[in-house]
Protein backbone atom coordinates (compact mmCIF):
# COMPACT_ATOMS: atom_id res chain seq x y z
CA MET A 1 0.00 0.00 0.00
CA LYS A 2 1.18 3.47 -0.89
CA VAL A 3 -0.10 6.94 -0.13
CA LEU A 4 -1.55 8.61 -3.23
CA LYS A 5 0.55 11.77 -2.80
CA ASP A 6 3.72 9.66 -2.97
CA ILE A 7 2.61 7.98 -6.19
CA LEU A 8 1.75 11.35 -7.74
CA ALA A 9 4.96 13.06 -6.58
CA GLU A 10 6.46 13.37 -10.07
CA LEU A 11 3.20 14.43 -11.78
CA SER A 12 1.61 17.80 -12.35
CA PRO A 13 -2.14 17.19 -12.02
CA LEU A 14 -4.28 19.60 -14.02
CA PRO A 15 -6.67 22.03 -12.27
CA GLY A 16 -9.70 19.76 -12.84
CA SER A 17 -8.27 17.13 -10.49
CA GLN A 18 -10.14 16.20 -7.31
CA TYR A 19 -8.36 13.87 -4.92
CA ASP A 20 -7.40 13.24 -1.32
CA ALA A 21 -3.61 13.06 -1.26
CA LYS A 22 -3.77 10.88 1.89
CA SER A 23 -5.76 8.10 0.19
CA MET A 24 -4.14 4.68 0.13
CA VAL A 25 -3.54 2.79 -3.12
CA SER A 26 -3.00 -0.97 -3.14
CA GLY A 27 -2.06 -1.40 -6.81
CA LEU A 28 -1.91 0.12 -10.28
CA ALA A 29 -3.67 -1.02 -13.45
CA MET A 30 -4.11 0.18 -16.99
CA ASP A 31 -6.22 -2.86 -17.91
CA SER A 32 -9.75 -2.45 -16.55
CA ARG A 33 -10.10 -6.23 -16.16
CA LYS A 34 -7.27 -6.28 -13.64
CA VAL A 35 -8.57 -3.57 -11.31
CA GLU A 36 -9.17 -4.65 -7.73
CA LYS A 37 -10.48 -2.80 -4.69
CA GLY A 38 -8.10 0.01 -3.75
CA PHE A 39 -6.31 0.19 -7.12
CA ALA A 40 -5.49 3.29 -9.12
CA PHE A 41 -6.65 2.96 -12.72
CA VAL A 42 -4.74 4.80 -15.44
CA ALA A 43 -6.94 5.32 -18.51
CA ILE A 44 -4.66 4.94 -21.54
CA ARG A 45 -5.77 5.86 -25.07
CA GLY A 46 -4.66 2.97 -27.28
CA THR A 47 -4.79 2.52 -31.03
CA LYS A 48 -7.90 0.33 -30.82
CA VAL A 49 -9.28 0.78 -27.30
CA ASP A 50 -9.58 3.85 -25.08
CA GLY A 51 -9.26 3.14 -21.37
CA HIS A 52 -11.47 6.16 -20.66
CA ASN A 53 -14.43 4.07 -21.89
CA PHE A 54 -14.02 1.71 -18.92
CA ILE A 55 -13.97 4.21 -16.07
CA ASP A 56 -17.46 3.33 -14.81
CA GLN A 57 -16.51 -0.37 -14.75
CA VAL A 58 -13.35 0.18 -12.73
CA ILE A 59 -15.20 2.32 -10.22
CA GLU A 60 -17.66 -0.55 -9.77
CA ALA A 61 -14.69 -2.92 -9.36
CA GLY A 62 -13.44 -0.80 -6.45
CA ALA A 63 -10.85 1.55 -7.95
CA THR A 64 -9.94 4.25 -5.46
CA CYS A 65 -8.31 6.58 -7.99
CA ILE A 66 -8.73 7.36 -11.68
CA VAL A 67 -5.94 8.98 -13.65
CA ALA A 68 -7.33 10.33 -16.91
CA GLU A 69 -6.82 12.91 -19.63
CA THR A 70 -10.44 14.04 -19.32
CA PRO A 71 -12.08 16.27 -16.70
CA CYS A 72 -13.71 14.72 -13.64
CA SER A 73 -16.95 12.93 -14.44
CA ASN A 74 -17.42 11.10 -11.13
CA THR A 75 -16.81 12.66 -7.72
CA SER A 76 -17.10 9.37 -5.81
CA VAL A 77 -13.41 8.54 -6.42
CA ASN A 78 -10.12 10.39 -6.49
CA TRP A 79 -9.76 11.89 -9.96
CA VAL A 80 -6.38 13.02 -11.26
CA GLN A 81 -6.40 14.73 -14.63
CA VAL A 82 -3.09 14.83 -16.50
CA GLU A 83 -1.99 15.78 -20.01
CA SER A 84 -0.59 12.32 -20.80
CA THR A 85 -1.73 9.20 -19.00
CA ALA A 86 0.96 7.13 -20.72
CA GLU A 87 3.66 9.34 -19.23
CA ALA A 88 1.86 9.45 -15.88
CA LEU A 89 1.76 5.64 -15.72
CA GLY A 90 5.54 5.48 -16.04
CA TRP A 91 6.14 7.94 -13.21
CA MET A 92 3.46 6.37 -11.01
CA SER A 93 4.85 2.86 -11.54
CA SER A 94 8.33 4.00 -10.60
CA ALA A 95 7.07 5.62 -7.42
CA PHE A 96 4.78 2.72 -6.51
CA TYR A 97 7.61 0.20 -6.84
CA ASN A 98 10.19 2.39 -5.04
CA TYR A 99 12.05 3.60 -8.13
CA PRO A 100 13.62 0.25 -9.11
CA SER A 101 15.81 1.65 -11.87
């Protein structure tokens, strides 16, 4: 488990973000099918599938935080809006796993 503010330390959330920096995160996922209770979900825009289309599903699965390129559409979870979710995922992964490289 990590504190959300530690995972977001290298990011610059956009003004539309709404989150509690003290929230705990138990894991990270960019695949909506792998989200578990307490996870942060990073919505990646792929060439065929857009992770933003699965935000409602991951909230139902128990995601505690959504990192997206779109403005907040659900105030029941922590919402972090960034310019690039692909870049954000890299920084968040490094922080979550204690900067392994």
